[in-house]
Amino acid sequence: MLDLKLLDINNPKNETQQIQIKDFKLVLQETCQYLNIEIPSQGNLIVANNKAVLENFEEFISLVSRGDIEEKELKKWSKKLLKNYKNGSNEYPVILDETYFNFFRSLNTWYSDWKFDPEDAESSISEMIDKKLNFKYPKKTYSDGLFPYIQKALNKHGYELMSFNIYGDGYLFFVANKKDVSRILKLSELTKIEVNQL
């Protein structure tokens, strides 16, 4: 307790504090709305809240695309996803929803049904990371049984294979930078776009 320091929410000292303050404001706003607590200057808080949520979408898209997206596209998709988010949907049936389907299709992803073989995985993931990926696996290993071997091979390049939950009988895979995985999972909770570690 003696080592605790005061955090100035108007003057964050680093990027970690900026992220923490943004997340805190979002939680505070939603908590107050849930408890029906009226806050002075609520209009300003709502604008700030929308801006914070929009920034979450921008950061999420930037991380799941590994920065391989033009600024104009990033802004466009962030606004579209924010609009859907504000409509209050609790889950994202992305196969049926054109906005989400088009968004995921615009990223460097690989769609597969639940059953896939090692050759499909190697060629698709190699294309996603723009490097030849070879991984060793026991004979007669398929589908999700391949995940540990894929992850081990990707880990050598600083990557991790993840998937968007598409609420169907299949996978929509993407490759994330290993260092960004924990932040992607946090932003997944905030944006309600569910992603899974494999």
C-alpha atoms as a PDB file:
ATOM      1  CA  MET A   1       0.000   0.000   0.000  1.00  0.00           C
ATOM      2  CA  LEU A   2       2.842   2.383   0.816  1.00  0.00           C
ATOM      3  CA  ASP A   3       4.156   2.059  -2.749  1.00  0.00           C
ATOM      4  CA  LEU A   4       0.861   3.142  -4.345  1.00  0.00           C
ATOM      5  CA  LYS A   5       0.935   6.364  -6.354  1.00  0.00           C
ATOM      6  CA  LEU A   6      -1.834   8.741  -7.319  1.00  0.00           C
ATOM      7  CA  LEU A   7      -2.970   8.347 -10.928  1.00  0.00           C
ATOM      8  CA  ASP A   8      -3.864  11.611 -12.668  1.00  0.00           C
ATOM      9  CA  ILE A   9      -6.636  10.650 -15.109  1.00  0.00           C
ATOM     10  CA  ASN A  10      -6.153  13.903 -17.019  1.00  0.00           C
ATOM     11  CA  ASN A  11      -2.425  13.395 -17.414  1.00  0.00           C
ATOM     12  CA  PRO A  12      -1.444   9.745 -18.032  1.00  0.00           C
ATOM     13  CA  LYS A  13       2.312   9.165 -17.877  1.00  0.00           C
ATOM     14  CA  ASN A  14       2.519   6.296 -20.363  1.00  0.00           C
ATOM     15  CA  GLU A  15       0.543   4.166 -22.829  1.00  0.00           C
ATOM     16  CA  THR A  16      -0.402   1.612 -20.145  1.00  0.00           C
ATOM     17  CA  GLN A  17      -1.983   4.345 -18.028  1.00  0.00           C
ATOM     18  CA  GLN A  18      -3.820   5.718 -21.084  1.00  0.00           C
ATOM     19  CA  ILE A  19      -5.344   2.275 -21.749  1.00  0.00           C
ATOM     20  CA  GLN A  20      -6.259   1.807 -18.070  1.00  0.00           C
ATOM     21  CA  ILE A  21      -7.915   5.233 -17.847  1.00  0.00           C
ATOM     22  CA  LYS A  22      -9.867   4.674 -21.072  1.00  0.00           C
ATOM     23  CA  ASP A  23     -11.114   1.289 -19.828  1.00  0.00           C
ATOM     24  CA  PHE A  24     -11.954   2.748 -16.396  1.00  0.00           C
ATOM     25  CA  LYS A  25     -14.047   5.550 -17.944  1.00  0.00           C
ATOM     26  CA  LEU A  26     -15.940   3.020 -20.044  1.00  0.00           C
ATOM     27  CA  VAL A  27     -16.661   0.802 -17.007  1.00  0.00           C
ATOM     28  CA  LEU A  28     -17.677   3.813 -14.904  1.00  0.00           C
ATOM     29  CA  GLN A  29     -20.078   5.084 -17.579  1.00  0.00           C
ATOM     30  CA  GLU A  30     -21.723   1.694 -18.073  1.00  0.00           C
ATOM     31  CA  THR A  31     -21.959   1.096 -14.317  1.00  0.00           C
ATOM     32  CA  CYS A  32     -23.684   4.448 -13.817  1.00  0.00           C
ATOM     33  CA  GLN A  33     -26.099   3.750 -16.665  1.00  0.00           C
ATOM     34  CA  TYR A  34     -26.879   0.294 -15.223  1.00  0.00           C
ATOM     35  CA  LEU A  35     -27.494   1.709 -11.715  1.00  0.00           C
ATOM     36  CA  ASN A  36     -29.478   4.670 -13.087  1.00  0.00           C
ATOM     37  CA  ILE A  37     -27.070   7.144 -11.515  1.00  0.00           C
ATOM     38  CA  GLU A  38     -27.235  10.537 -13.136  1.00  0.00           C
ATOM     39  CA  ILE A  39     -23.853  12.101 -13.732  1.00  0.00           C
ATOM     40  CA  PRO A  40     -23.274  15.831 -14.275  1.00  0.00           C
ATOM     41  CA  SER A  41     -22.355  16.637 -17.879  1.00  0.00           C
ATOM     42  CA  GLN A  42     -23.701  13.269 -18.963  1.00  0.00           C
ATOM     43  CA  GLY A  43     -23.797  14.419 -22.579  1.00  0.00           C
ATOM     44  CA  ASN A  44     -20.054  14.971 -22.475  1.00  0.00           C
ATOM     45  CA  LEU A  45     -19.550  11.575 -20.854  1.00  0.00           C
ATOM     46  CA  ILE A  46     -21.592   9.863 -23.551  1.00  0.00           C
ATOM     47  CA  VAL A  47     -19.518  11.549 -26.248  1.00  0.00           C
ATOM     48  CA  ALA A  48     -16.357  10.543 -24.397  1.00  0.00           C
ATOM     49  CA  ASN A  49     -17.721   7.024 -23.978  1.00  0.00           C
ATOM     50  CA  ASN A  50     -18.482   6.720 -27.707  1.00  0.00           C
ATOM     51  CA  LYS A  51     -14.993   7.993 -28.481  1.00  0.00           C
ATOM     52  CA  ALA A  52     -13.458   5.450 -26.073  1.00  0.00           C
ATOM     53  CA  VAL A  53     -15.464   2.592 -27.612  1.00  0.00           C
ATOM     54  CA  LEU A  54     -14.528   3.747 -31.120  1.00  0.00           C
ATOM     55  CA  GLU A  55     -10.867   3.772 -30.064  1.00  0.00           C
ATOM     56  CA  ASN A  56     -11.300   0.218 -28.754  1.00  0.00           C
ATOM     57  CA  PHE A  57     -12.597  -0.896 -32.152  1.00  0.00           C
ATOM     58  CA  GLU A  58      -9.742   0.886 -33.929  1.00  0.00           C
ATOM     59  CA  GLU A  59      -7.154  -0.747 -31.684  1.00  0.00           C
ATOM     60  CA  PHE A  60      -8.846  -4.160 -32.015  1.00  0.00           C
ATOM     61  CA  ILE A  61      -8.881  -3.982 -35.825  1.00  0.00           C
ATOM     62  CA  SER A  62      -5.283  -2.783 -35.908  1.00  0.00           C
ATOM     63  CA  LEU A  63      -4.144  -5.697 -33.727  1.00  0.00           C
ATOM     64  CA  VAL A  64      -6.111  -8.506 -35.413  1.00  0.00           C
ATOM     65  CA  SER A  65      -4.907  -7.277 -38.814  1.00  0.00           C
ATOM     66  CA  ARG A  66      -1.315  -6.975 -37.481  1.00  0.00           C
ATOM     67  CA  GLY A  67      -1.353  -3.388 -38.748  1.00  0.00           C
ATOM     68  CA  ASP A  68      -1.951  -4.521 -42.323  1.00  0.00           C
ATOM     69  CA  ILE A  69      -4.904  -2.220 -42.970  1.00  0.00           C
ATOM     70  CA  GLU A  70      -5.111   1.253 -44.476  1.00  0.00           C
ATOM     71  CA  GLU A  71      -6.091   4.096 -42.168  1.00  0.00           C
ATOM     72  CA  LYS A  72      -9.185   4.863 -44.260  1.00  0.00           C
ATOM     73  CA  GLU A  73     -10.379   1.227 -44.004  1.00  0.00           C
ATOM     74  CA  LEU A  74      -9.597   1.166 -40.285  1.00  0.00           C
ATOM     75  CA  LYS A  75     -11.770   4.241 -39.667  1.00  0.00           C
ATOM     76  CA  LYS A  76     -14.565   2.927 -41.898  1.00  0.00           C
ATOM     77  CA  TRP A  77     -14.809  -0.453 -40.191  1.00  0.00           C
ATOM     78  CA  SER A  78     -14.459   1.018 -36.694  1.00  0.00           C
ATOM     79  CA  LYS A  79     -17.468   3.271 -37.302  1.00  0.00           C
ATOM     80  CA  LYS A  80     -19.545   0.448 -38.799  1.00  0.00           C
ATOM     81  CA  LEU A  81     -18.745  -1.906 -35.935  1.00  0.00           C
ATOM     82  CA  LEU A  82     -19.456   0.817 -33.375  1.00  0.00           C
ATOM     83  CA  LYS A  83     -22.870   1.400 -34.956  1.00  0.00           C
ATOM     84  CA  ASN A  84     -23.733  -2.295 -34.653  1.00  0.00           C
ATOM     85  CA  TYR A  85     -22.366  -2.368 -31.104  1.00  0.00           C
ATOM     86  CA  LYS A  86     -24.613   0.541 -30.104  1.00  0.00           C
ATOM     87  CA  ASN A  87     -27.626  -1.343 -31.462  1.00  0.00           C
ATOM     88  CA  GLY A  88     -27.207  -3.601 -28.441  1.00  0.00           C
ATOM     89  CA  SER A  89     -26.641  -7.004 -30.029  1.00  0.00           C
ATOM     90  CA  ASN A  90     -25.413  -9.511 -27.424  1.00  0.00           C
ATOM     91  CA  GLU A  91     -23.800 -11.813 -29.933  1.00  0.00           C
ATOM     92  CA  TYR A  92     -22.505 -11.440 -33.453  1.00  0.00           C
ATOM     93  CA  PRO A  93     -23.978 -13.960 -35.903  1.00  0.00           C
ATOM     94  CA  VAL A  94     -21.318 -12.972 -38.395  1.00  0.00           C
ATOM     95  CA  ILE A  95     -22.203 -15.475 -41.106  1.00  0.00           C
ATOM     96  CA  LEU A  96     -25.687 -13.976 -41.316  1.00  0.00           C
ATOM     97  CA  ASP A  97     -24.744 -10.353 -40.739  1.00  0.00           C
ATOM     98  CA  GLU A  98     -23.344  -8.690 -43.856  1.00  0.00           C
ATOM     99  CA  THR A  99     -21.430  -6.030 -41.909  1.00  0.00           C
ATOM    100  CA  TYR A 100     -19.445  -8.545 -39.892  1.00  0.00           C
ATOM    101  CA  PHE A 101     -19.044 -10.994 -42.751  1.00  0.00           C
ATOM    102  CA  ASN A 102     -17.568  -8.256 -44.961  1.00  0.00           C
ATOM    103  CA  PHE A 103     -15.374  -7.011 -42.126  1.00  0.00           C
ATOM    104  CA  PHE A 104     -13.861 -10.429 -41.422  1.00  0.00           C
ATOM    105  CA  ARG A 105     -13.460 -11.076 -45.143  1.00  0.00           C
ATOM    106  CA  SER A 106     -11.494  -7.815 -45.464  1.00  0.00           C
ATOM    107  CA  LEU A 107      -8.890  -9.174 -43.015  1.00  0.00           C
ATOM    108  CA  ASN A 108      -6.233 -11.773 -43.747  1.00  0.00           C
ATOM    109  CA  THR A 109      -8.216 -14.790 -42.518  1.00  0.00           C
ATOM    110  CA  TRP A 110      -8.667 -18.473 -43.323  1.00  0.00           C
ATOM    111  CA  TYR A 111     -12.097 -20.093 -43.139  1.00  0.00           C
ATOM    112  CA  SER A 112     -12.368 -23.835 -42.632  1.00  0.00           C
ATOM    113  CA  ASP A 113     -15.091 -26.161 -41.454  1.00  0.00           C
ATOM    114  CA  TRP A 114     -14.320 -28.123 -38.280  1.00  0.00           C
ATOM    115  CA  LYS A 115     -12.420 -30.777 -40.237  1.00  0.00           C
ATOM    116  CA  PHE A 116      -9.168 -29.817 -41.980  1.00  0.00           C
ATOM    117  CA  ASP A 117      -5.941 -31.598 -42.804  1.00  0.00           C
ATOM    118  CA  PRO A 118      -2.303 -30.577 -42.145  1.00  0.00           C
ATOM    119  CA  GLU A 119      -1.640 -29.634 -45.784  1.00  0.00           C
ATOM    120  CA  ASP A 120      -4.550 -27.150 -45.767  1.00  0.00           C
ATOM    121  CA  ALA A 121      -3.304 -25.661 -42.511  1.00  0.00           C
ATOM    122  CA  GLU A 122       0.285 -25.322 -43.724  1.00  0.00           C
ATOM    123  CA  SER A 123      -0.601 -23.663 -47.027  1.00  0.00           C
ATOM    124  CA  SER A 124      -3.283 -21.341 -45.596  1.00  0.00           C
ATOM    125  CA  ILE A 125      -1.218 -20.183 -42.627  1.00  0.00           C
ATOM    126  CA  SER A 126       1.881 -19.759 -44.809  1.00  0.00           C
ATOM    127  CA  GLU A 127      -0.155 -17.429 -46.996  1.00  0.00           C
ATOM    128  CA  MET A 128      -1.420 -15.507 -43.957  1.00  0.00           C
ATOM    129  CA  ILE A 129       2.078 -14.839 -42.579  1.00  0.00           C
ATOM    130  CA  ASP A 130       3.758 -14.578 -45.979  1.00  0.00           C
ATOM    131  CA  LYS A 131       6.338 -17.204 -44.916  1.00  0.00           C
ATOM    132  CA  LYS A 132       6.633 -20.919 -45.500  1.00  0.00           C
ATOM    133  CA  LEU A 133       5.351 -22.628 -42.364  1.00  0.00           C
ATOM    134  CA  ASN A 134       6.299 -26.262 -41.830  1.00  0.00           C
ATOM    135  CA  PHE A 135       5.294 -28.063 -38.696  1.00  0.00           C
ATOM    136  CA  LYS A 136       5.831 -31.615 -37.513  1.00  0.00           C
ATOM    137  CA  TYR A 137       2.870 -33.642 -36.306  1.00  0.00           C
ATOM    138  CA  PRO A 138       2.074 -37.305 -35.613  1.00  0.00           C
ATOM    139  CA  LYS A 139       0.546 -39.310 -38.444  1.00  0.00           C
ATOM    140  CA  LYS A 140      -3.240 -39.324 -38.688  1.00  0.00           C
ATOM    141  CA  THR A 141      -3.527 -36.014 -36.844  1.00  0.00           C
ATOM    142  CA  TYR A 142      -6.237 -33.683 -38.159  1.00  0.00           C
ATOM    143  CA  SER A 143      -8.261 -30.602 -37.291  1.00  0.00           C
ATOM    144  CA  ASP A 144      -7.986 -29.315 -33.705  1.00  0.00           C
ATOM    145  CA  GLY A 145      -5.445 -32.071 -32.936  1.00  0.00           C
ATOM    146  CA  LEU A 146      -3.011 -30.025 -35.044  1.00  0.00           C
ATOM    147  CA  PHE A 147      -3.279 -26.855 -32.937  1.00  0.00           C
ATOM    148  CA  PRO A 148      -0.368 -27.577 -30.537  1.00  0.00           C
ATOM    149  CA  TYR A 149       1.977 -28.284 -33.468  1.00  0.00           C
ATOM    150  CA  ILE A 150       0.822 -25.229 -35.426  1.00  0.00           C
ATOM    151  CA  GLN A 151       1.217 -22.998 -32.363  1.00  0.00           C
ATOM    152  CA  LYS A 152       4.716 -24.326 -31.674  1.00  0.00           C
ATOM    153  CA  ALA A 153       5.794 -23.548 -35.251  1.00  0.00           C
ATOM    154  CA  LEU A 154       4.168 -20.096 -35.208  1.00  0.00           C
ATOM    155  CA  ASN A 155       5.673 -19.278 -31.818  1.00  0.00           C
ATOM    156  CA  LYS A 156       9.142 -19.409 -33.405  1.00  0.00           C
ATOM    157  CA  HIS A 157       8.072 -16.463 -35.598  1.00  0.00           C
ATOM    158  CA  GLY A 158       6.408 -14.565 -32.718  1.00  0.00           C
ATOM    159  CA  TYR A 159       2.854 -15.417 -33.843  1.00  0.00           C
ATOM    160  CA  GLU A 160      -0.199 -17.205 -32.460  1.00  0.00           C
ATOM    161  CA  LEU A 161      -3.137 -18.721 -34.347  1.00  0.00           C
ATOM    162  CA  MET A 162      -6.518 -17.512 -33.077  1.00  0.00           C
ATOM    163  CA  SER A 163     -10.085 -17.602 -34.354  1.00  0.00           C
ATOM    164  CA  PHE A 164     -13.162 -15.415 -34.433  1.00  0.00           C
ATOM    165  CA  ASN A 165     -16.251 -17.088 -32.981  1.00  0.00           C
ATOM    166  CA  ILE A 166     -18.567 -17.249 -35.997  1.00  0.00           C
ATOM    167  CA  TYR A 167     -21.353 -19.116 -34.174  1.00  0.00           C
ATOM    168  CA  GLY A 168     -21.286 -21.946 -36.687  1.00  0.00           C
ATOM    169  CA  ASP A 169     -19.730 -25.292 -37.501  1.00  0.00           C
ATOM    170  CA  GLY A 170     -16.342 -24.007 -38.572  1.00  0.00           C
ATOM    171  CA  TYR A 171     -13.379 -21.768 -37.862  1.00  0.00           C
ATOM    172  CA  LEU A 172     -12.422 -18.308 -39.052  1.00  0.00           C
ATOM    173  CA  PHE A 173      -8.702 -18.233 -38.268  1.00  0.00           C
ATOM    174  CA  PHE A 174      -6.363 -15.267 -38.046  1.00  0.00           C
ATOM    175  CA  VAL A 175      -2.740 -14.905 -36.979  1.00  0.00           C
ATOM    176  CA  ALA A 176      -1.868 -12.463 -34.195  1.00  0.00           C
ATOM    177  CA  ASN A 177       1.439 -11.169 -32.942  1.00  0.00           C
ATOM    178  CA  LYS A 178       2.149 -13.136 -29.748  1.00  0.00           C
ATOM    179  CA  LYS A 179       2.853  -9.931 -27.806  1.00  0.00           C
ATOM    180  CA  ASP A 180      -0.642  -8.601 -28.661  1.00  0.00           C
ATOM    181  CA  VAL A 181      -2.709 -11.652 -27.653  1.00  0.00           C
ATOM    182  CA  SER A 182      -3.625 -10.554 -24.117  1.00  0.00           C
ATOM    183  CA  ARG A 183      -4.685  -7.109 -25.357  1.00  0.00           C
ATOM    184  CA  ILE A 184      -6.737  -8.668 -28.208  1.00  0.00           C
ATOM    185  CA  LEU A 185      -8.568 -10.824 -25.649  1.00  0.00           C
ATOM    186  CA  LYS A 186      -9.276  -7.763 -23.489  1.00  0.00           C
ATOM    187  CA  LEU A 187     -10.541  -5.771 -26.487  1.00  0.00           C
ATOM    188  CA  SER A 188     -12.609  -8.775 -27.538  1.00  0.00           C
ATOM    189  CA  GLU A 189     -14.497  -8.460 -24.238  1.00  0.00           C
ATOM    190  CA  LEU A 190     -14.928  -4.707 -24.636  1.00  0.00           C
ATOM    191  CA  THR A 191     -16.096  -4.813 -28.272  1.00  0.00           C
ATOM    192  CA  LYS A 192     -18.101  -8.029 -27.828  1.00  0.00           C
ATOM    193  CA  ILE A 193     -16.455  -9.515 -30.924  1.00  0.00           C
ATOM    194  CA  GLU A 194     -15.563 -12.912 -29.529  1.00  0.00           C
ATOM    195  CA  VAL A 195     -12.161 -14.383 -30.330  1.00  0.00           C
ATOM    196  CA  ASN A 196     -10.766 -17.696 -29.146  1.00  0.00           C
ATOM    197  CA  GLN A 197      -7.329 -18.929 -28.268  1.00  0.00           C
ATOM    198  CA  LEU A 198      -6.744 -22.363 -29.748  1.00  0.00           C
END
